[in-house]
Amino acid sequence: MNEQKFAQTKNLTKIFDLSPDFFQKRINTEFYEGIHFFIPPTSSKTKKAVLWDIDAIDNWIKSKKTNNELYELLKRR
């Protein structure tokens, strides 16, 4: 089995069932270069590819779910 490690923004929709805007809007606020994504070197001055680390995004989503569940439990007190 060939497990994909990185994906371009447009392909994240197939993996996480979230729109590309979901990821774009969180760049440099919740997703950080070198952790969640990287931009490979290119000679193009106008177009830069963004490659997302699928494991890092998956871990981020899971941590958000855990944090939300914990918040709901604490709120019941």
Protein backbone atom coordinates (compact mmCIF):
# COMPACT_ATOMS: atom_id res chain seq x y z
CA MET A 1 0.00 0.00 0.00
CA ASN A 2 1.39 3.39 -0.99
CA GLU A 3 0.42 5.82 1.76
CA GLN A 4 0.51 9.46 0.72
CA LYS A 5 2.48 11.77 3.06
CA PHE A 6 1.84 15.16 1.43
CA ALA A 7 -0.93 16.72 -0.64
CA GLN A 8 -1.62 19.99 -2.38
CA THR A 9 -4.43 22.14 -0.99
CA LYS A 10 -6.89 21.17 -3.74
CA ASN A 11 -6.41 17.47 -2.93
CA LEU A 12 -7.07 17.82 0.81
CA THR A 13 -10.80 17.84 0.05
CA LYS A 14 -10.56 14.19 -1.02
CA ILE A 15 -8.70 13.23 2.15
CA PHE A 16 -10.46 15.26 4.86
CA ASP A 17 -13.80 16.17 3.24
CA LEU A 18 -13.19 19.87 3.97
CA SER A 19 -13.04 22.72 1.47
CA PRO A 20 -9.70 24.19 0.35
CA ASP A 21 -10.83 27.47 1.97
CA PHE A 22 -10.89 25.73 5.36
CA PHE A 23 -7.14 25.19 5.08
CA GLN A 24 -6.27 28.46 3.33
CA LYS A 25 -8.02 30.58 5.99
CA ARG A 26 -6.01 28.94 8.76
CA ILE A 27 -2.54 29.44 7.26
CA ASN A 28 -0.36 31.27 9.81
CA THR A 29 -3.13 31.25 12.43
CA GLU A 30 -3.62 27.54 13.11
CA PHE A 31 -1.50 25.89 10.42
CA TYR A 32 2.16 26.84 10.27
CA GLU A 33 4.84 26.45 7.62
CA GLY A 34 7.35 23.79 8.61
CA ILE A 35 4.80 22.04 10.84
CA HIS A 36 1.58 21.57 8.86
CA PHE A 37 2.75 22.55 5.38
CA PHE A 38 5.76 23.61 3.38
CA ILE A 39 6.40 25.45 0.16
CA PRO A 40 8.93 23.69 -2.07
CA PRO A 41 11.52 25.88 -3.81
CA THR A 42 10.42 27.16 -7.22
CA SER A 43 11.62 29.61 -9.80
CA SER A 44 8.08 30.94 -10.35
CA LYS A 45 7.52 34.38 -8.86
CA THR A 46 3.72 34.18 -8.99
CA LYS A 47 2.72 30.58 -8.36
CA LYS A 48 3.89 28.62 -5.36
CA ALA A 49 2.71 25.12 -4.49
CA VAL A 50 1.77 24.41 -0.90
CA LEU A 51 2.29 20.84 0.23
CA TRP A 52 0.41 19.81 3.35
CA ASP A 53 1.67 17.17 5.79
CA ILE A 54 -1.30 14.81 5.98
CA ASP A 55 -0.26 13.33 9.35
CA ALA A 56 0.16 16.79 10.89
CA ILE A 57 -3.28 17.88 9.67
CA ASP A 58 -4.82 14.63 10.91
CA ASN A 59 -3.23 15.16 14.34
CA TRP A 60 -4.47 18.76 14.41
CA ILE A 61 -8.04 17.65 13.65
CA LYS A 62 -7.89 14.94 16.32
CA SER A 63 -6.53 17.35 18.92
CA LYS A 64 -9.33 19.83 18.16
CA LYS A 65 -11.90 17.07 18.63
CA THR A 66 -10.31 16.02 21.93
CA ASN A 67 -10.14 19.63 23.14
CA ASN A 68 -13.79 20.22 22.22
CA GLU A 69 -14.89 17.06 24.04
CA LEU A 70 -12.86 18.04 27.11
CA TYR A 71 -14.38 21.53 27.04
CA GLU A 72 -17.89 20.08 26.91
CA LEU A 73 -17.14 17.80 29.87
CA LEU A 74 -15.69 20.64 31.94
CA LYS A 75 -18.62 22.86 31.06
CA ARG A 76 -21.02 20.35 32.69
CA ARG A 77 -19.50 20.85 36.13
